[in-house]
Amino acid sequence: MRAVQITEFGGPEVLTVVDVPEPEAGERRTLHDVSALGVNSADTHHALSAN
């Protein structure tokens, strides 16, 4: 499965597409298939700030 990861602070240039293992549901856990998501201003501010 492919995922976008942020491993350091910075702008859009720090976003990297990586291959990750398929998630598995654990005991007393459920796994949901997400086909879309939203990113708001607070998310980008947190990802781009330095602490």
PDB file of N, CA and C in Angstrom:
ATOM      1  N   MET A   1       0.845  -1.144   0.000  1.00  0.00           N
ATOM      2  CA  MET A   1       0.000   0.000   0.000  1.00  0.00           C
ATOM      3  C   MET A   1       0.905   1.226   0.000  1.00  0.00           C
ATOM      4  N   ARG A   2       0.476   2.264  -0.668  1.00  0.00           N
ATOM      5  CA  ARG A   2       1.256   3.500  -0.711  1.00  0.00           C
ATOM      6  C   ARG A   2       0.682   4.514   0.266  1.00  0.00           C
ATOM      7  N   ALA A   3       1.562   5.301   0.863  1.00  0.00           N
ATOM      8  CA  ALA A   3       1.147   6.317   1.823  1.00  0.00           C
ATOM      9  C   ALA A   3       2.037   7.537   1.672  1.00  0.00           C
ATOM     10  N   VAL A   4       1.533   8.675   2.080  1.00  0.00           N
ATOM     11  CA  VAL A   4       2.327   9.896   2.108  1.00  0.00           C
ATOM     12  C   VAL A   4       2.799  10.102   3.534  1.00  0.00           C
ATOM     13  N   GLN A   5       4.108  10.300   3.698  1.00  0.00           N
ATOM     14  CA  GLN A   5       4.663  10.507   5.033  1.00  0.00           C
ATOM     15  C   GLN A   5       5.343  11.865   5.111  1.00  0.00           C
ATOM     16  N   ILE A   6       5.283  12.453   6.299  1.00  0.00           N
ATOM     17  CA  ILE A   6       6.019  13.679   6.602  1.00  0.00           C
ATOM     18  C   ILE A   6       7.045  13.290   7.658  1.00  0.00           C
ATOM     19  N   THR A   7       8.326  13.349   7.328  1.00  0.00           N
ATOM     20  CA  THR A   7       9.368  12.919   8.260  1.00  0.00           C
ATOM     21  C   THR A   7      10.181  14.080   8.807  1.00  0.00           C
ATOM     22  N   GLU A   8       9.904  15.297   8.336  1.00  0.00           N
ATOM     23  CA  GLU A   8      10.616  16.475   8.817  1.00  0.00           C
ATOM     24  C   GLU A   8       9.729  17.703   8.627  1.00  0.00           C
ATOM     25  N   PHE A   9      10.078  18.800   9.279  1.00  0.00           N
ATOM     26  CA  PHE A   9       9.314  20.031   9.121  1.00  0.00           C
ATOM     27  C   PHE A   9       9.656  20.670   7.786  1.00  0.00           C
ATOM     28  N   GLY A  10       8.692  21.338   7.191  1.00  0.00           N
ATOM     29  CA  GLY A  10       8.924  22.035   5.935  1.00  0.00           C
ATOM     30  C   GLY A  10       7.652  22.154   5.136  1.00  0.00           C
ATOM     31  N   GLY A  11       7.775  22.563   3.907  1.00  0.00           N
ATOM     32  CA  GLY A  11       6.641  22.747   3.017  1.00  0.00           C
ATOM     33  C   GLY A  11       6.290  21.450   2.294  1.00  0.00           C
ATOM     34  N   PRO A  12       5.580  21.590   1.186  1.00  0.00           N
ATOM     35  CA  PRO A  12       5.147  20.405   0.443  1.00  0.00           C
ATOM     36  C   PRO A  12       6.300  19.535  -0.049  1.00  0.00           C
ATOM     37  N   GLU A  13       7.476  20.094  -0.135  1.00  0.00           N
ATOM     38  CA  GLU A  13       8.628  19.327  -0.616  1.00  0.00           C
ATOM     39  C   GLU A  13       9.046  18.215   0.342  1.00  0.00           C
ATOM     40  N   VAL A  14       8.601  18.243   1.597  1.00  0.00           N
ATOM     41  CA  VAL A  14       8.966  17.190   2.543  1.00  0.00           C
ATOM     42  C   VAL A  14       8.003  16.004   2.513  1.00  0.00           C
ATOM     43  N   LEU A  15       6.932  16.106   1.739  1.00  0.00           N
ATOM     44  CA  LEU A  15       6.003  14.982   1.608  1.00  0.00           C
ATOM     45  C   LEU A  15       6.633  13.918   0.733  1.00  0.00           C
ATOM     46  N   THR A  16       6.645  12.681   1.201  1.00  0.00           N
ATOM     47  CA  THR A  16       7.205  11.593   0.407  1.00  0.00           C
ATOM     48  C   THR A  16       6.189  10.458   0.308  1.00  0.00           C
ATOM     49  N   VAL A  17       6.113   9.862  -0.876  1.00  0.00           N
ATOM     50  CA  VAL A  17       5.243   8.707  -1.095  1.00  0.00           C
ATOM     51  C   VAL A  17       6.087   7.462  -0.844  1.00  0.00           C
ATOM     52  N   VAL A  18       5.621   6.605   0.055  1.00  0.00           N
ATOM     53  CA  VAL A  18       6.367   5.403   0.431  1.00  0.00           C
ATOM     54  C   VAL A  18       5.455   4.190   0.398  1.00  0.00           C
ATOM     55  N   ASP A  19       6.034   3.020   0.293  1.00  0.00           N
ATOM     56  CA  ASP A  19       5.293   1.771   0.394  1.00  0.00           C
ATOM     57  C   ASP A  19       5.302   1.335   1.857  1.00  0.00           C
ATOM     58  N   VAL A  20       4.138   1.006   2.378  1.00  0.00           N
ATOM     59  CA  VAL A  20       4.003   0.554   3.756  1.00  0.00           C
ATOM     60  C   VAL A  20       3.203  -0.744   3.772  1.00  0.00           C
ATOM     61  N   PRO A  21       3.362  -1.569   4.800  1.00  0.00           N
ATOM     62  CA  PRO A  21       2.585  -2.809   4.870  1.00  0.00           C
ATOM     63  C   PRO A  21       1.096  -2.532   5.029  1.00  0.00           C
ATOM     64  N   GLU A  22       0.275  -3.422   4.519  1.00  0.00           N
ATOM     65  CA  GLU A  22      -1.175  -3.304   4.693  1.00  0.00           C
ATOM     66  C   GLU A  22      -1.497  -3.403   6.180  1.00  0.00           C
ATOM     67  N   PRO A  23      -2.309  -2.498   6.699  1.00  0.00           N
ATOM     68  CA  PRO A  23      -2.665  -2.588   8.124  1.00  0.00           C
ATOM     69  C   PRO A  23      -3.567  -3.781   8.393  1.00  0.00           C
ATOM     70  N   GLU A  24      -3.512  -4.272   9.613  1.00  0.00           N
ATOM     71  CA  GLU A  24      -4.359  -5.386  10.028  1.00  0.00           C
ATOM     72  C   GLU A  24      -5.096  -4.989  11.305  1.00  0.00           C
ATOM     73  N   ALA A  25      -6.332  -5.421  11.410  1.00  0.00           N
ATOM     74  CA  ALA A  25      -7.099  -5.153  12.627  1.00  0.00           C
ATOM     75  C   ALA A  25      -6.556  -6.019  13.756  1.00  0.00           C
ATOM     76  N   GLY A  26      -6.397  -5.422  14.911  1.00  0.00           N
ATOM     77  CA  GLY A  26      -5.942  -6.164  16.077  1.00  0.00           C
ATOM     78  C   GLY A  26      -7.121  -6.664  16.895  1.00  0.00           C
ATOM     79  N   GLU A  27      -6.801  -7.230  18.044  1.00  0.00           N
ATOM     80  CA  GLU A  27      -7.845  -7.726  18.930  1.00  0.00           C
ATOM     81  C   GLU A  27      -8.706  -6.569  19.405  1.00  0.00           C
ATOM     82  N   ARG A  28     -10.022  -6.718  19.285  1.00  0.00           N
ATOM     83  CA  ARG A  28     -11.000  -5.700  19.679  1.00  0.00           C
ATOM     84  C   ARG A  28     -10.818  -4.386  18.917  1.00  0.00           C
ATOM     85  N   ARG A  29     -10.288  -4.463  17.696  1.00  0.00           N
ATOM     86  CA  ARG A  29     -10.079  -3.290  16.847  1.00  0.00           C
ATOM     87  C   ARG A  29     -10.764  -3.526  15.510  1.00  0.00           C
ATOM     88  N   THR A  30     -11.119  -2.444  14.843  1.00  0.00           N
ATOM     89  CA  THR A  30     -11.693  -2.546  13.499  1.00  0.00           C
ATOM     90  C   THR A  30     -10.800  -1.805  12.523  1.00  0.00           C
ATOM     91  N   LEU A  31     -10.887  -2.181  11.274  1.00  0.00           N
ATOM     92  CA  LEU A  31     -10.110  -1.556  10.223  1.00  0.00           C
ATOM     93  C   LEU A  31     -11.079  -0.954   9.226  1.00  0.00           C
ATOM     94  N   HIS A  32     -10.925   0.330   8.931  1.00  0.00           N
ATOM     95  CA  HIS A  32     -11.829   1.031   8.027  1.00  0.00           C
ATOM     96  C   HIS A  32     -11.108   1.380   6.736  1.00  0.00           C
ATOM     97  N   ASP A  33     -11.790   1.234   5.619  1.00  0.00           N
ATOM     98  CA  ASP A  33     -11.249   1.614   4.324  1.00  0.00           C
ATOM     99  C   ASP A  33     -11.607   3.079   4.077  1.00  0.00           C
ATOM    100  N   VAL A  34     -10.596   3.936   4.004  1.00  0.00           N
ATOM    101  CA  VAL A  34     -10.823   5.369   3.802  1.00  0.00           C
ATOM    102  C   VAL A  34     -10.526   5.697   2.347  1.00  0.00           C
ATOM    103  N   SER A  35     -11.522   6.268   1.672  1.00  0.00           N
ATOM    104  CA  SER A  35     -11.323   6.595   0.254  1.00  0.00           C
ATOM    105  C   SER A  35     -11.087   8.081   0.035  1.00  0.00           C
ATOM    106  N   ALA A  36     -11.325   8.910   1.040  1.00  0.00           N
ATOM    107  CA  ALA A  36     -11.096  10.347   0.928  1.00  0.00           C
ATOM    108  C   ALA A  36     -10.866  10.930   2.313  1.00  0.00           C
ATOM    109  N   LEU A  37     -10.185  12.062   2.366  1.00  0.00           N
ATOM    110  CA  LEU A  37      -9.968  12.728   3.637  1.00  0.00           C
ATOM    111  C   LEU A  37      -9.816  14.211   3.388  1.00  0.00           C
ATOM    112  N   GLY A  38      -9.842  14.974   4.439  1.00  0.00           N
ATOM    113  CA  GLY A  38      -9.676  16.416   4.324  1.00  0.00           C
ATOM    114  C   GLY A  38      -8.501  16.881   5.150  1.00  0.00           C
ATOM    115  N   VAL A  39      -7.879  17.947   4.719  1.00  0.00           N
ATOM    116  CA  VAL A  39      -6.790  18.575   5.458  1.00  0.00           C
ATOM    117  C   VAL A  39      -7.187  20.019   5.679  1.00  0.00           C
ATOM    118  N   ASN A  40      -7.161  20.457   6.926  1.00  0.00           N
ATOM    119  CA  ASN A  40      -7.545  21.833   7.203  1.00  0.00           C
ATOM    120  C   ASN A  40      -6.331  22.675   7.582  1.00  0.00           C
ATOM    121  N   SER A  41      -6.559  23.940   7.801  1.00  0.00           N
ATOM    122  CA  SER A  41      -5.483  24.882   8.099  1.00  0.00           C
ATOM    123  C   SER A  41      -4.681  24.477   9.333  1.00  0.00           C
ATOM    124  N   ALA A  42      -5.348  24.003  10.362  1.00  0.00           N
ATOM    125  CA  ALA A  42      -4.630  23.594  11.580  1.00  0.00           C
ATOM    126  C   ALA A  42      -3.685  22.423  11.313  1.00  0.00           C
ATOM    127  N   ASP A  43      -4.087  21.485  10.455  1.00  0.00           N
ATOM    128  CA  ASP A  43      -3.224  20.361  10.102  1.00  0.00           C
ATOM    129  C   ASP A  43      -1.953  20.846   9.420  1.00  0.00           C
ATOM    130  N   THR A  44      -2.100  21.733   8.449  1.00  0.00           N
ATOM    131  CA  THR A  44      -0.916  22.213   7.731  1.00  0.00           C
ATOM    132  C   THR A  44      -0.048  23.074   8.626  1.00  0.00           C
ATOM    133  N   HIS A  45      -0.641  23.861   9.504  1.00  0.00           N
ATOM    134  CA  HIS A  45       0.156  24.680  10.426  1.00  0.00           C
ATOM    135  C   HIS A  45       0.983  23.791  11.351  1.00  0.00           C
ATOM    136  N   HIS A  46       0.373  22.729  11.864  1.00  0.00           N
ATOM    137  CA  HIS A  46       1.086  21.812  12.754  1.00  0.00           C
ATOM    138  C   HIS A  46       2.230  21.108  12.011  1.00  0.00           C
ATOM    139  N   ALA A  47       1.980  20.681  10.787  1.00  0.00           N
ATOM    140  CA  ALA A  47       2.994  19.960  10.017  1.00  0.00           C
ATOM    141  C   ALA A  47       4.146  20.873   9.607  1.00  0.00           C
ATOM    142  N   LEU A  48       3.892  22.153   9.441  1.00  0.00           N
ATOM    143  CA  LEU A  48       4.900  23.077   8.930  1.00  0.00           C
ATOM    144  C   LEU A  48       5.601  23.872  10.016  1.00  0.00           C
ATOM    145  N   SER A  49       5.126  23.804  11.251  1.00  0.00           N
ATOM    146  CA  SER A  49       5.764  24.574  12.325  1.00  0.00           C
ATOM    147  C   SER A  49       6.922  23.790  12.910  1.00  0.00           C
ATOM    148  N   ALA A  50       7.842  24.491  13.515  1.00  0.00           N
ATOM    149  CA  ALA A  50       9.037  23.847  14.079  1.00  0.00           C
ATOM    150  C   ALA A  50       8.885  23.692  15.587  1.00  0.00           C
ATOM    151  N   ASN A  51       8.041  22.774  16.002  1.00  0.00           N
ATOM    152  CA  ASN A  51       7.746  22.435  17.404  1.00  0.00           C
ATOM    153  C   ASN A  51       6.541  23.203  17.809  1.00  0.00           C
TER     154      ASN A  51
END
